[in-house]
Every structure is written in structure tokens, then in C-alpha cells.
């Protein structure tokens, strides 16, 4: 039972990482260096913490991007 739970957790974690990687591809950043991507994500995280307007603006942009391919 415990091994099944661990296996399910690993599968869930793997699936989440694949989906997150897909977002990088979808954003057109597939060939950027990992350090640049991480730096951009860290900066974005810091900017979003105190800026609800920026969070809303970027969410709307993402919803629009998903809408263009049926997601």
C-alpha cells in the first residue's frame, strides 16, 4: 500500500513537471538558457507578491493564449 502511494505521488509529480515544461515551450522559450528562465521566474514571483494588478494582467494574457489553441 505504501509503495503504491509513493508511486502515485511520483507519477503526479512527474506529470506536473511535464506540464510546467510545456508552458515554457508554449511561451516560445524552449531554447533559452535555464539560468535565464529561472531568473525570469524568480523576478516574476517577486513582482507578483505585491501587485494584484500585474497578476490580473498576466493571468488575462495567459487565458488568451490558452484560448487560441483550445485549452
Protein backbone atom coordinates (compact mmCIF):
# COMPACT_ATOMS: atom_id res chain seq x y z
CA UNK A 1 0.00 0.00 0.00
CA UNK A 2 2.74 2.45 0.98
CA UNK A 3 4.69 1.65 -2.19
CA UNK A 4 1.58 2.36 -4.29
CA UNK A 5 1.14 5.75 -2.63
CA UNK A 6 4.78 6.61 -3.26
CA UNK A 7 4.47 5.52 -6.88
CA UNK A 8 1.31 7.57 -7.36
CA UNK A 9 2.99 10.60 -5.80
CA UNK A 10 5.99 10.22 -8.14
CA UNK A 11 3.70 9.92 -11.16
CA UNK A 12 1.77 13.02 -10.10
CA UNK A 13 5.00 14.96 -9.58
CA UNK A 14 6.34 13.86 -12.97
CA UNK A 15 3.13 14.85 -14.72
CA UNK A 16 3.18 18.28 -13.09
CA UNK A 17 6.78 18.87 -14.20
CA UNK A 18 5.94 17.84 -17.77
CA UNK A 19 3.01 20.27 -17.80
CA UNK A 20 5.19 23.09 -16.45
CA UNK A 21 7.81 22.38 -19.11
CA UNK A 22 5.05 22.57 -21.69
CA UNK A 23 4.31 26.11 -20.54
CA UNK A 24 7.91 27.10 -21.29
CA UNK A 25 7.54 25.69 -24.80
CA UNK A 26 4.14 27.34 -25.29
CA UNK A 27 5.61 30.70 -24.27
CA UNK A 28 8.24 30.38 -27.01
CA UNK A 29 11.13 29.98 -24.57
CA UNK A 30 12.20 26.43 -25.40
CA UNK A 31 15.72 27.40 -26.46
CA UNK A 32 16.52 29.90 -23.73
CA UNK A 33 19.14 29.04 -21.14
CA UNK A 34 17.85 27.53 -17.91
CA UNK A 35 19.55 30.24 -15.85
CA UNK A 36 17.66 32.93 -17.77
CA UNK A 37 14.35 31.13 -17.31
CA UNK A 38 14.93 30.65 -13.60
CA UNK A 39 15.98 34.27 -13.16
CA UNK A 40 12.89 35.46 -15.01
CA UNK A 41 10.63 33.26 -12.91
CA UNK A 42 12.24 34.41 -9.65
CA UNK A 43 11.82 38.04 -10.66
CA UNK A 44 8.22 37.42 -11.70
CA UNK A 45 7.50 35.76 -8.37
CA UNK A 46 8.84 38.78 -6.52
CA UNK A 47 6.89 41.22 -8.68
CA UNK A 48 3.62 39.35 -8.26
CA UNK A 49 3.79 39.29 -4.46
CA UNK A 50 2.73 42.89 -4.08
CA UNK A 51 1.00 43.68 -7.33
CA UNK A 52 -2.53 42.36 -7.81
CA UNK A 53 -2.96 44.41 -10.99
CA UNK A 54 0.10 42.80 -12.60
CA UNK A 55 -1.15 39.36 -11.54
CA UNK A 56 -4.54 40.07 -13.16
CA UNK A 57 -2.96 41.46 -16.33
CA UNK A 58 -0.70 38.45 -16.79
CA UNK A 59 -3.49 35.99 -15.96
CA UNK A 60 -5.65 37.55 -18.68
CA UNK A 61 -2.77 37.28 -21.14
CA UNK A 62 -2.35 33.59 -20.28
CA UNK A 63 -6.08 32.88 -20.60
CA UNK A 64 -6.00 34.49 -24.03
CA UNK A 65 -3.01 32.38 -25.09
CA UNK A 66 -4.70 29.18 -23.97
CA UNK A 67 -7.83 30.23 -25.82
CA UNK A 68 -6.01 30.36 -29.14
CA UNK A 69 -5.28 26.64 -29.15
CA UNK A 70 -8.37 25.23 -27.49
CA UNK A 71 -7.09 24.81 -23.92
